[in-house]
Amino acid sequence: KKLLIAEIQTLCYSCHDQDDVLTIETHSEIGETSCTDCHNP
C-alpha cells in the first residue's frame, strides 16, 4: 500500500537498526506494532 517498496517494519529496519530500536524503553513491548502507528514517516 502507498507504493511502499516493502512492508513497513521491514522498510524501517532497513535503515534503523532493529536491536537499537528495541533497546529504547518505550519500544520494549511494541511487538508487531507498526512504526507508523506512532511515527509519521
PDB file of all heavy atoms in Angstrom:
ATOM      1  N   LYS A   1       0.837  -1.194   0.000  1.00  0.00           N
ATOM      2  CA  LYS A   1       0.000   0.000   0.000  1.00  0.00           C
ATOM      3  C   LYS A   1       0.873   1.245   0.000  1.00  0.00           C
ATOM      4  O   LYS A   1       1.995   1.229   0.507  1.00  0.00           O
ATOM      5  CB  LYS A   1      -0.889   0.019   1.241  1.00  0.00           C
ATOM      6  CG  LYS A   1      -1.990  -1.003   1.231  1.00  0.00           C
ATOM      7  CD  LYS A   1      -2.833  -0.861   2.494  1.00  0.00           C
ATOM      8  CE  LYS A   1      -3.955  -1.871   2.488  1.00  0.00           C
ATOM      9  NZ  LYS A   1      -4.799  -1.741   3.680  1.00  0.00           N
ATOM     10  N   LYS A   2       0.346   2.310  -0.521  1.00  0.00           N
ATOM     11  CA  LYS A   2       1.006   3.613  -0.583  1.00  0.00           C
ATOM     12  C   LYS A   2       2.322   3.568  -1.369  1.00  0.00           C
ATOM     13  O   LYS A   2       3.230   4.343  -1.147  1.00  0.00           O
ATOM     14  CB  LYS A   2       1.230   4.180   0.817  1.00  0.00           C
ATOM     15  CG  LYS A   2      -0.092   4.346   1.554  1.00  0.00           C
ATOM     16  CD  LYS A   2       0.063   5.031   2.877  1.00  0.00           C
ATOM     17  CE  LYS A   2      -1.317   5.123   3.509  1.00  0.00           C
ATOM     18  NZ  LYS A   2      -1.333   5.918   4.700  1.00  0.00           N
ATOM     19  N   LEU A   3       2.387   2.605  -2.280  1.00  0.00           N
ATOM     20  CA  LEU A   3       3.535   2.436  -3.180  1.00  0.00           C
ATOM     21  C   LEU A   3       4.851   2.185  -2.447  1.00  0.00           C
ATOM     22  O   LEU A   3       5.933   2.508  -2.937  1.00  0.00           O
ATOM     23  CB  LEU A   3       3.680   3.641  -4.120  1.00  0.00           C
ATOM     24  CG  LEU A   3       2.449   3.973  -4.961  1.00  0.00           C
ATOM     25  CD1 LEU A   3       2.698   5.233  -5.786  1.00  0.00           C
ATOM     26  CD2 LEU A   3       2.069   2.816  -5.864  1.00  0.00           C
ATOM     27  N   LEU A   4       4.778   1.593  -1.260  1.00  0.00           N
ATOM     28  CA  LEU A   4       5.986   1.298  -0.496  1.00  0.00           C
ATOM     29  C   LEU A   4       6.746   0.144  -1.120  1.00  0.00           C
ATOM     30  O   LEU A   4       6.158  -0.781  -1.685  1.00  0.00           O
ATOM     31  CB  LEU A   4       5.633   0.970   0.957  1.00  0.00           C
ATOM     32  CG  LEU A   4       5.060   2.117   1.759  1.00  0.00           C
ATOM     33  CD1 LEU A   4       4.611   1.629   3.135  1.00  0.00           C
ATOM     34  CD2 LEU A   4       6.080   3.239   1.907  1.00  0.00           C
ATOM     35  N   ILE A   5       8.065   0.159  -0.978  1.00  0.00           N
ATOM     36  CA  ILE A   5       8.895  -0.890  -1.570  1.00  0.00           C
ATOM     37  C   ILE A   5       8.941  -2.158  -0.713  1.00  0.00           C
ATOM     38  O   ILE A   5       9.380  -3.199  -1.182  1.00  0.00           O
ATOM     39  CB  ILE A   5      10.330  -0.387  -1.853  1.00  0.00           C
ATOM     40  CG1 ILE A   5      11.022   0.044  -0.573  1.00  0.00           C
ATOM     41  CG2 ILE A   5      10.312   0.735  -2.871  1.00  0.00           C
ATOM     42  CD1 ILE A   5      12.500   0.386  -0.744  1.00  0.00           C
ATOM     43  N   ALA A   6       8.501  -2.061   0.542  1.00  0.00           N
ATOM     44  CA  ALA A   6       8.472  -3.214   1.448  1.00  0.00           C
ATOM     45  C   ALA A   6       7.428  -2.963   2.527  1.00  0.00           C
ATOM     46  O   ALA A   6       6.933  -1.848   2.681  1.00  0.00           O
ATOM     47  CB  ALA A   6       9.845  -3.422   2.080  1.00  0.00           C
ATOM     48  N   GLU A   7       7.124  -4.001   3.281  1.00  0.00           N
ATOM     49  CA  GLU A   7       6.237  -3.883   4.434  1.00  0.00           C
ATOM     50  C   GLU A   7       6.860  -2.874   5.402  1.00  0.00           C
ATOM     51  O   GLU A   7       8.076  -2.743   5.481  1.00  0.00           O
ATOM     52  CB  GLU A   7       6.084  -5.268   5.073  1.00  0.00           C
ATOM     53  CG  GLU A   7       5.136  -5.360   6.231  1.00  0.00           C
ATOM     54  CD  GLU A   7       5.815  -5.087   7.557  1.00  0.00           C
ATOM     55  OE1 GLU A   7       6.988  -5.419   7.709  1.00  0.00           O
ATOM     56  OE2 GLU A   7       5.153  -4.520   8.434  1.00  0.00           O
ATOM     57  N   ILE A   8       6.051  -2.146   6.134  1.00  0.00           N
ATOM     58  CA  ILE A   8       6.525  -1.006   6.922  1.00  0.00           C
ATOM     59  C   ILE A   8       7.665  -1.363   7.870  1.00  0.00           C
ATOM     60  O   ILE A   8       8.702  -0.708   7.858  1.00  0.00           O
ATOM     61  CB  ILE A   8       5.362  -0.325   7.676  1.00  0.00           C
ATOM     62  CG1 ILE A   8       4.442   0.373   6.666  1.00  0.00           C
ATOM     63  CG2 ILE A   8       5.881   0.685   8.700  1.00  0.00           C
ATOM     64  CD1 ILE A   8       3.167   0.925   7.247  1.00  0.00           C
ATOM     65  N   GLN A   9       7.497  -2.386   8.701  1.00  0.00           N
ATOM     66  CA  GLN A   9       8.563  -2.713   9.664  1.00  0.00           C
ATOM     67  C   GLN A   9       9.858  -3.071   8.925  1.00  0.00           C
ATOM     68  O   GLN A   9      10.935  -2.638   9.317  1.00  0.00           O
ATOM     69  CB  GLN A   9       8.163  -3.859  10.584  1.00  0.00           C
ATOM     70  CG  GLN A   9       6.989  -3.576  11.495  1.00  0.00           C
ATOM     71  CD  GLN A   9       7.201  -2.414  12.448  1.00  0.00           C
ATOM     72  OE1 GLN A   9       7.072  -1.258  12.051  1.00  0.00           O
ATOM     73  NE2 GLN A   9       7.496  -2.708  13.673  1.00  0.00           N
ATOM     74  N   THR A  10       9.752  -3.860   7.890  1.00  0.00           N
ATOM     75  CA  THR A  10      10.928  -4.245   7.102  1.00  0.00           C
ATOM     76  C   THR A  10      11.595  -3.011   6.519  1.00  0.00           C
ATOM     77  O   THR A  10      12.823  -2.878   6.545  1.00  0.00           O
ATOM     78  CB  THR A  10      10.517  -5.210   5.972  1.00  0.00           C
ATOM     79  OG1 THR A  10       9.907  -6.356   6.559  1.00  0.00           O
ATOM     80  CG2 THR A  10      11.705  -5.616   5.124  1.00  0.00           C
ATOM     81  N   LEU A  11      10.796  -2.111   6.016  1.00  0.00           N
ATOM     82  CA  LEU A  11      11.312  -0.876   5.426  1.00  0.00           C
ATOM     83  C   LEU A  11      12.036  -0.032   6.473  1.00  0.00           C
ATOM     84  O   LEU A  11      13.153   0.426   6.252  1.00  0.00           O
ATOM     85  CB  LEU A  11      10.158  -0.097   4.802  1.00  0.00           C
ATOM     86  CG  LEU A  11      10.486   1.155   4.020  1.00  0.00           C
ATOM     87  CD1 LEU A  11      11.447   0.849   2.882  1.00  0.00           C
ATOM     88  CD2 LEU A  11       9.205   1.757   3.470  1.00  0.00           C
ATOM     89  N   CYS A  12      11.414   0.162   7.625  1.00  0.00           N
ATOM     90  CA  CYS A  12      12.037   0.968   8.688  1.00  0.00           C
ATOM     91  C   CYS A  12      13.354   0.346   9.146  1.00  0.00           C
ATOM     92  O   CYS A  12      14.356   1.038   9.324  1.00  0.00           O
ATOM     93  CB  CYS A  12      11.094   1.133   9.869  1.00  0.00           C
ATOM     94  SG  CYS A  12       9.609   2.096   9.480  1.00  0.00           S
ATOM     95  N   TYR A  13      13.342  -0.983   9.334  1.00  0.00           N
ATOM     96  CA  TYR A  13      14.544  -1.655   9.815  1.00  0.00           C
ATOM     97  C   TYR A  13      15.622  -1.778   8.737  1.00  0.00           C
ATOM     98  O   TYR A  13      16.739  -2.183   9.026  1.00  0.00           O
ATOM     99  CB  TYR A  13      14.205  -3.025  10.390  1.00  0.00           C
ATOM    100  CG  TYR A  13      13.443  -2.959  11.703  1.00  0.00           C
ATOM    101  CD1 TYR A  13      12.421  -3.848  11.979  1.00  0.00           C
ATOM    102  CD2 TYR A  13      13.748  -2.001  12.668  1.00  0.00           C
ATOM    103  CE1 TYR A  13      11.721  -3.793  13.182  1.00  0.00           C
ATOM    104  CE2 TYR A  13      13.066  -1.931  13.867  1.00  0.00           C
ATOM    105  CZ  TYR A  13      12.051  -2.837  14.116  1.00  0.00           C
ATOM    106  OH  TYR A  13      11.382  -2.777  15.311  1.00  0.00           O
ATOM    107  N   SER A  14      15.331  -1.399   7.520  1.00  0.00           N
ATOM    108  CA  SER A  14      16.379  -1.400   6.501  1.00  0.00           C
ATOM    109  C   SER A  14      17.344  -0.226   6.726  1.00  0.00           C
ATOM    110  O   SER A  14      18.479  -0.250   6.250  1.00  0.00           O
ATOM    111  CB  SER A  14      15.786  -1.367   5.090  1.00  0.00           C
ATOM    112  OG  SER A  14      15.189  -0.122   4.811  1.00  0.00           O
ATOM    113  N   CYS A  15      16.908   0.788   7.481  1.00  0.00           N
ATOM    114  CA  CYS A  15      17.780   1.929   7.828  1.00  0.00           C
ATOM    115  C   CYS A  15      18.042   2.031   9.331  1.00  0.00           C
ATOM    116  O   CYS A  15      19.125   2.405   9.746  1.00  0.00           O
ATOM    117  CB  CYS A  15      17.153   3.242   7.368  1.00  0.00           C
ATOM    118  SG  CYS A  15      17.048   3.417   5.583  1.00  0.00           S
ATOM    119  N   HIS A  16      17.021   1.713  10.119  1.00  0.00           N
ATOM    120  CA  HIS A  16      17.133   1.820  11.574  1.00  0.00           C
ATOM    121  C   HIS A  16      17.409   0.438  12.138  1.00  0.00           C
ATOM    122  O   HIS A  16      16.630  -0.491  11.914  1.00  0.00           O
ATOM    123  CB  HIS A  16      15.829   2.375  12.167  1.00  0.00           C
ATOM    124  CG  HIS A  16      15.475   3.729  11.646  1.00  0.00           C
ATOM    125  ND1 HIS A  16      16.011   4.891  12.144  1.00  0.00           N
ATOM    126  CD2 HIS A  16      14.633   4.105  10.644  1.00  0.00           C
ATOM    127  CE1 HIS A  16      15.520   5.921  11.491  1.00  0.00           C
ATOM    128  NE2 HIS A  16      14.686   5.483  10.561  1.00  0.00           N
ATOM    129  N   ASP A  17      18.512   0.297  12.877  1.00  0.00           N
ATOM    130  CA  ASP A  17      18.901  -0.994  13.433  1.00  0.00           C
ATOM    131  C   ASP A  17      17.851  -1.498  14.431  1.00  0.00           C
ATOM    132  O   ASP A  17      17.562  -0.833  15.421  1.00  0.00           O
ATOM    133  CB  ASP A  17      20.266  -0.872  14.110  1.00  0.00           C
ATOM    134  CG  ASP A  17      20.761  -2.206  14.593  1.00  0.00           C
ATOM    135  OD1 ASP A  17      21.368  -2.939  13.788  1.00  0.00           O
ATOM    136  OD2 ASP A  17      20.524  -2.523  15.780  1.00  0.00           O
ATOM    137  N   GLN A  18      17.295  -2.657  14.148  1.00  0.00           N
ATOM    138  CA  GLN A  18      16.215  -3.201  14.971  1.00  0.00           C
ATOM    139  C   GLN A  18      16.655  -3.381  16.422  1.00  0.00           C
ATOM    140  O   GLN A  18      15.904  -3.064  17.343  1.00  0.00           O
ATOM    141  CB  GLN A  18      15.729  -4.530  14.397  1.00  0.00           C
ATOM    142  CG  GLN A  18      14.549  -5.106  15.158  1.00  0.00           C
ATOM    143  CD  GLN A  18      13.981  -6.355  14.494  1.00  0.00           C
ATOM    144  OE1 GLN A  18      14.527  -6.872  13.528  1.00  0.00           O
ATOM    145  NE2 GLN A  18      12.874  -6.836  15.006  1.00  0.00           N
ATOM    146  N   ASP A  19      17.851  -3.886  16.650  1.00  0.00           N
ATOM    147  CA  ASP A  19      18.325  -4.078  18.024  1.00  0.00           C
ATOM    148  C   ASP A  19      18.415  -2.755  18.769  1.00  0.00           C
ATOM    149  O   ASP A  19      18.040  -2.678  19.941  1.00  0.00           O
ATOM    150  CB  ASP A  19      19.683  -4.787  18.029  1.00  0.00           C
ATOM    151  CG  ASP A  19      19.592  -6.232  17.549  1.00  0.00           C
ATOM    152  OD1 ASP A  19      18.509  -6.840  17.703  1.00  0.00           O
ATOM    153  OD2 ASP A  19      20.594  -6.741  17.035  1.00  0.00           O
ATOM    154  N   ASP A  20      18.882  -1.709  18.091  1.00  0.00           N
ATOM    155  CA  ASP A  20      18.953  -0.384  18.717  1.00  0.00           C
ATOM    156  C   ASP A  20      17.554   0.148  19.034  1.00  0.00           C
ATOM    157  O   ASP A  20      17.316   0.690  20.104  1.00  0.00           O
ATOM    158  CB  ASP A  20      19.680   0.619  17.813  1.00  0.00           C
ATOM    159  CG  ASP A  20      21.168   0.355  17.710  1.00  0.00           C
ATOM    160  OD1 ASP A  20      21.709  -0.401  18.544  1.00  0.00           O
ATOM    161  OD2 ASP A  20      21.789   0.904  16.787  1.00  0.00           O
ATOM    162  N   VAL A  21      16.645  -0.018  18.094  1.00  0.00           N
ATOM    163  CA  VAL A  21      15.279   0.462  18.287  1.00  0.00           C
ATOM    164  C   VAL A  21      14.638  -0.235  19.484  1.00  0.00           C
ATOM    165  O   VAL A  21      14.010   0.402  20.336  1.00  0.00           O
ATOM    166  CB  VAL A  21      14.424   0.240  17.015  1.00  0.00           C
ATOM    167  CG1 VAL A  21      12.950   0.471  17.286  1.00  0.00           C
ATOM    168  CG2 VAL A  21      14.914   1.140  15.886  1.00  0.00           C
ATOM    169  N   LEU A  22      14.805  -1.540  19.572  1.00  0.00           N
ATOM    170  CA  LEU A  22      14.143  -2.307  20.626  1.00  0.00           C
ATOM    171  C   LEU A  22      14.762  -2.102  22.001  1.00  0.00           C
ATOM    172  O   LEU A  22      14.157  -2.475  23.004  1.00  0.00           O
ATOM    173  CB  LEU A  22      14.099  -3.785  20.250  1.00  0.00           C
ATOM    174  CG  LEU A  22      13.251  -4.092  19.013  1.00  0.00           C
ATOM    175  CD1 LEU A  22      13.323  -5.569  18.658  1.00  0.00           C
ATOM    176  CD2 LEU A  22      11.809  -3.659  19.202  1.00  0.00           C
ATOM    177  N   THR A  23      15.944  -1.490  22.078  1.00  0.00           N
ATOM    178  CA  THR A  23      16.534  -1.194  23.387  1.00  0.00           C
ATOM    179  C   THR A  23      15.977   0.093  23.982  1.00  0.00           C
ATOM    180  O   THR A  23      16.189   0.359  25.164  1.00  0.00           O
ATOM    181  CB  THR A  23      18.080  -1.081  23.314  1.00  0.00           C
ATOM    182  OG1 THR A  23      18.426  -0.026  22.430  1.00  0.00           O
ATOM    183  CG2 THR A  23      18.708  -2.388  22.865  1.00  0.00           C
ATOM    184  N   ILE A  24      15.260   0.876  23.192  1.00  0.00           N
ATOM    185  CA  ILE A  24      14.621   2.092  23.702  1.00  0.00           C
ATOM    186  C   ILE A  24      13.460   1.663  24.594  1.00  0.00           C
ATOM    187  O   ILE A  24      12.617   0.865  24.196  1.00  0.00           O
ATOM    188  CB  ILE A  24      14.132   2.980  22.535  1.00  0.00           C
ATOM    189  CG1 ILE A  24      15.318   3.413  21.674  1.00  0.00           C
ATOM    190  CG2 ILE A  24      13.351   4.180  23.055  1.00  0.00           C
ATOM    191  CD1 ILE A  24      14.921   4.046  20.359  1.00  0.00           C
ATOM    192  N   GLU A  25      13.418   2.185  25.823  1.00  0.00           N
ATOM    193  CA  GLU A  25      12.433   1.741  26.814  1.00  0.00           C
ATOM    194  C   GLU A  25      10.995   1.772  26.296  1.00  0.00           C
ATOM    195  O   GLU A  25      10.230   0.836  26.517  1.00  0.00           O
ATOM    196  CB  GLU A  25      12.550   2.583  28.080  1.00  0.00           C
ATOM    197  CG  GLU A  25      11.670   2.090  29.210  1.00  0.00           C
ATOM    198  CD  GLU A  25      11.858   2.881  30.481  1.00  0.00           C
ATOM    199  OE1 GLU A  25      12.879   3.582  30.623  1.00  0.00           O
ATOM    200  OE2 GLU A  25      10.976   2.798  31.337  1.00  0.00           O
ATOM    201  N   THR A  26      10.625   2.825  25.604  1.00  0.00           N
ATOM    202  CA  THR A  26       9.239   2.928  25.121  1.00  0.00           C
ATOM    203  C   THR A  26       8.921   1.899  24.033  1.00  0.00           C
ATOM    204  O   THR A  26       7.756   1.685  23.712  1.00  0.00           O
ATOM    205  CB  THR A  26       8.926   4.338  24.577  1.00  0.00           C
ATOM    206  OG1 THR A  26       9.882   4.671  23.578  1.00  0.00           O
ATOM    207  CG2 THR A  26       8.957   5.367  25.680  1.00  0.00           C
ATOM    208  N   HIS A  27       9.933   1.260  23.483  1.00  0.00           N
ATOM    209  CA  HIS A  27       9.722   0.240  22.462  1.00  0.00           C
ATOM    210  C   HIS A  27       9.792  -1.173  23.033  1.00  0.00           C
ATOM    211  O   HIS A  27       9.652  -2.143  22.282  1.00  0.00           O
ATOM    212  CB  HIS A  27      10.770   0.361  21.355  1.00  0.00           C
ATOM    213  CG  HIS A  27      10.642   1.575  20.519  1.00  0.00           C
ATOM    214  ND1 HIS A  27      11.730   2.167  19.931  1.00  0.00           N
ATOM    215  CD2 HIS A  27       9.567   2.327  20.150  1.00  0.00           C
ATOM    216  CE1 HIS A  27      11.330   3.224  19.238  1.00  0.00           C
ATOM    217  NE2 HIS A  27      10.029   3.348  19.363  1.00  0.00           N
ATOM    218  N   SER A  28       9.994  -1.311  24.320  1.00  0.00           N
ATOM    219  CA  SER A  28      10.249  -2.628  24.910  1.00  0.00           C
ATOM    220  C   SER A  28       9.120  -3.631  24.699  1.00  0.00           C
ATOM    221  O   SER A  28       9.364  -4.832  24.656  1.00  0.00           O
ATOM    222  CB  SER A  28      10.560  -2.498  26.406  1.00  0.00           C
ATOM    223  OG  SER A  28       9.442  -1.983  27.101  1.00  0.00           O
ATOM    224  N   GLU A  29       7.897  -3.181  24.560  1.00  0.00           N
ATOM    225  CA  GLU A  29       6.779  -4.113  24.389  1.00  0.00           C
ATOM    226  C   GLU A  29       5.950  -3.812  23.135  1.00  0.00           C
ATOM    227  O   GLU A  29       4.744  -4.051  23.112  1.00  0.00           O
ATOM    228  CB  GLU A  29       5.893  -4.065  25.626  1.00  0.00           C
ATOM    229  CG  GLU A  29       6.617  -4.556  26.871  1.00  0.00           C
ATOM    230  CD  GLU A  29       5.729  -4.594  28.096  1.00  0.00           C
ATOM    231  OE1 GLU A  29       4.495  -4.733  27.946  1.00  0.00           O
ATOM    232  OE2 GLU A  29       6.278  -4.490  29.198  1.00  0.00           O
ATOM    233  N   ILE A  30       6.603  -3.315  22.081  1.00  0.00           N
ATOM    234  CA  ILE A  30       5.831  -2.953  20.885  1.00  0.00           C
ATOM    235  C   ILE A  30       5.391  -4.151  20.067  1.00  0.00           C
ATOM    236  O   ILE A  30       4.439  -4.063  19.300  1.00  0.00           O
ATOM    237  CB  ILE A  30       6.572  -1.940  19.978  1.00  0.00           C
ATOM    238  CG1 ILE A  30       7.881  -2.510  19.452  1.00  0.00           C
ATOM    239  CG2 ILE A  30       6.755  -0.623  20.685  1.00  0.00           C
ATOM    240  CD1 ILE A  30       8.541  -1.648  18.397  1.00  0.00           C
ATOM    241  N   GLY A  31       6.092  -5.264  20.200  1.00  0.00           N
ATOM    242  CA  GLY A  31       5.716  -6.468  19.452  1.00  0.00           C
ATOM    243  C   GLY A  31       5.642  -6.198  17.972  1.00  0.00           C
ATOM    244  O   GLY A  31       6.583  -5.719  17.367  1.00  0.00           O
ATOM    245  N   GLU A  32       4.500  -6.467  17.380  1.00  0.00           N
ATOM    246  CA  GLU A  32       4.299  -6.278  15.940  1.00  0.00           C
ATOM    247  C   GLU A  32       3.653  -4.932  15.607  1.00  0.00           C
ATOM    248  O   GLU A  32       3.181  -4.731  14.495  1.00  0.00           O
ATOM    249  CB  GLU A  32       3.455  -7.420  15.382  1.00  0.00           C
ATOM    250  CG  GLU A  32       4.120  -8.779  15.471  1.00  0.00           C
ATOM    251  CD  GLU A  32       5.408  -8.860  14.669  1.00  0.00           C
ATOM    252  OE1 GLU A  32       5.439  -8.377  13.516  1.00  0.00           O
ATOM    253  OE2 GLU A  32       6.395  -9.395  15.213  1.00  0.00           O
ATOM    254  N   THR A  33       3.627  -4.025  16.567  1.00  0.00           N
ATOM    255  CA  THR A  33       3.063  -2.697  16.319  1.00  0.00           C
ATOM    256  C   THR A  33       3.827  -2.032  15.186  1.00  0.00           C
ATOM    257  O   THR A  33       5.052  -2.064  15.146  1.00  0.00           O
ATOM    258  CB  THR A  33       3.156  -1.825  17.593  1.00  0.00           C
ATOM    259  OG1 THR A  33       2.485  -2.488  18.643  1.00  0.00           O
ATOM    260  CG2 THR A  33       2.556  -0.452  17.371  1.00  0.00           C
ATOM    261  N   SER A  34       3.108  -1.429  14.280  1.00  0.00           N
ATOM    262  CA  SER A  34       3.740  -0.754  13.153  1.00  0.00           C
ATOM    263  C   SER A  34       4.401   0.547  13.612  1.00  0.00           C
ATOM    264  O   SER A  34       3.838   1.289  14.423  1.00  0.00           O
ATOM    265  CB  SER A  34       2.684  -0.435  12.094  1.00  0.00           C
ATOM    266  OG  SER A  34       3.255   0.333  11.059  1.00  0.00           O
ATOM    267  N   CYS A  35       5.559   0.838  13.094  1.00  0.00           N
ATOM    268  CA  CYS A  35       6.262   2.084  13.416  1.00  0.00           C
ATOM    269  C   CYS A  35       5.364   3.290  13.155  1.00  0.00           C
ATOM    270  O   CYS A  35       5.373   4.268  13.905  1.00  0.00           O
ATOM    271  CB  CYS A  35       7.527   2.225  12.578  1.00  0.00           C
ATOM    272  SG  CYS A  35       8.737   0.917  12.847  1.00  0.00           S
ATOM    273  N   THR A  36       4.588   3.200  12.088  1.00  0.00           N
ATOM    274  CA  THR A  36       3.758   4.339  11.692  1.00  0.00           C
ATOM    275  C   THR A  36       2.514   4.511  12.551  1.00  0.00           C
ATOM    276  O   THR A  36       1.766   5.458  12.353  1.00  0.00           O
ATOM    277  CB  THR A  36       3.378   4.264  10.202  1.00  0.00           C
ATOM    278  OG1 THR A  36       2.703   3.033   9.959  1.00  0.00           O
ATOM    279  CG2 THR A  36       4.612   4.377   9.319  1.00  0.00           C
ATOM    280  N   ASP A  37       2.289   3.614  13.514  1.00  0.00           N
ATOM    281  CA  ASP A  37       1.208   3.836  14.477  1.00  0.00           C
ATOM    282  C   ASP A  37       1.550   5.021  15.380  1.00  0.00           C
ATOM    283  O   ASP A  37       0.657   5.693  15.875  1.00  0.00           O
ATOM    284  CB  ASP A  37       0.963   2.604  15.339  1.00  0.00           C
ATOM    285  CG  ASP A  37       0.234   1.499  14.597  1.00  0.00           C
ATOM    286  OD1 ASP A  37      -0.219   1.723  13.453  1.00  0.00           O
ATOM    287  OD2 ASP A  37       0.131   0.396  15.172  1.00  0.00           O
ATOM    288  N   CYS A  38       2.842   5.257  15.587  1.00  0.00           N
ATOM    289  CA  CYS A  38       3.295   6.347  16.466  1.00  0.00           C
ATOM    290  C   CYS A  38       4.113   7.414  15.742  1.00  0.00           C
ATOM    291  O   CYS A  38       4.136   8.566  16.153  1.00  0.00           O
ATOM    292  CB  CYS A  38       4.145   5.787  17.607  1.00  0.00           C
ATOM    293  SG  CYS A  38       3.291   4.594  18.656  1.00  0.00           S
ATOM    294  N   HIS A  39       4.822   7.000  14.689  1.00  0.00           N
ATOM    295  CA  HIS A  39       5.733   7.901  13.990  1.00  0.00           C
ATOM    296  C   HIS A  39       5.217   8.242  12.597  1.00  0.00           C
ATOM    297  O   HIS A  39       4.792   7.357  11.861  1.00  0.00           O
ATOM    298  CB  HIS A  39       7.123   7.266  13.853  1.00  0.00           C
ATOM    299  CG  HIS A  39       7.755   6.913  15.151  1.00  0.00           C
ATOM    300  ND1 HIS A  39       8.412   7.830  15.928  1.00  0.00           N
ATOM    301  CD2 HIS A  39       7.830   5.730  15.822  1.00  0.00           C
ATOM    302  CE1 HIS A  39       8.870   7.227  17.011  1.00  0.00           C
ATOM    303  NE2 HIS A  39       8.526   5.955  16.980  1.00  0.00           N
ATOM    304  N   ASN A  40       5.296   9.512  12.238  1.00  0.00           N
ATOM    305  CA  ASN A  40       4.928   9.957  10.897  1.00  0.00           C
ATOM    306  C   ASN A  40       6.143   9.737   9.997  1.00  0.00           C
ATOM    307  O   ASN A  40       7.216  10.279  10.265  1.00  0.00           O
ATOM    308  CB  ASN A  40       4.552  11.437  10.928  1.00  0.00           C
ATOM    309  CG  ASN A  40       4.065  11.949   9.597  1.00  0.00           C
ATOM    310  OD1 ASN A  40       4.554  11.550   8.560  1.00  0.00           O
ATOM    311  ND2 ASN A  40       3.114  12.858   9.643  1.00  0.00           N
ATOM    312  N   PRO A  41       6.030   8.963   8.933  1.00  0.00           N
ATOM    313  CA  PRO A  41       7.182   8.647   8.106  1.00  0.00           C
ATOM    314  C   PRO A  41       7.694   9.805   7.246  1.00  0.00           C
ATOM    315  O   PRO A  41       8.776   9.709   6.670  1.00  0.00           O
ATOM    316  CB  PRO A  41       6.685   7.504   7.227  1.00  0.00           C
ATOM    317  CG  PRO A  41       5.216   7.725   7.143  1.00  0.00           C
ATOM    318  CD  PRO A  41       4.816   8.298   8.472  1.00  0.00           C
TER     319      PRO A  41
END
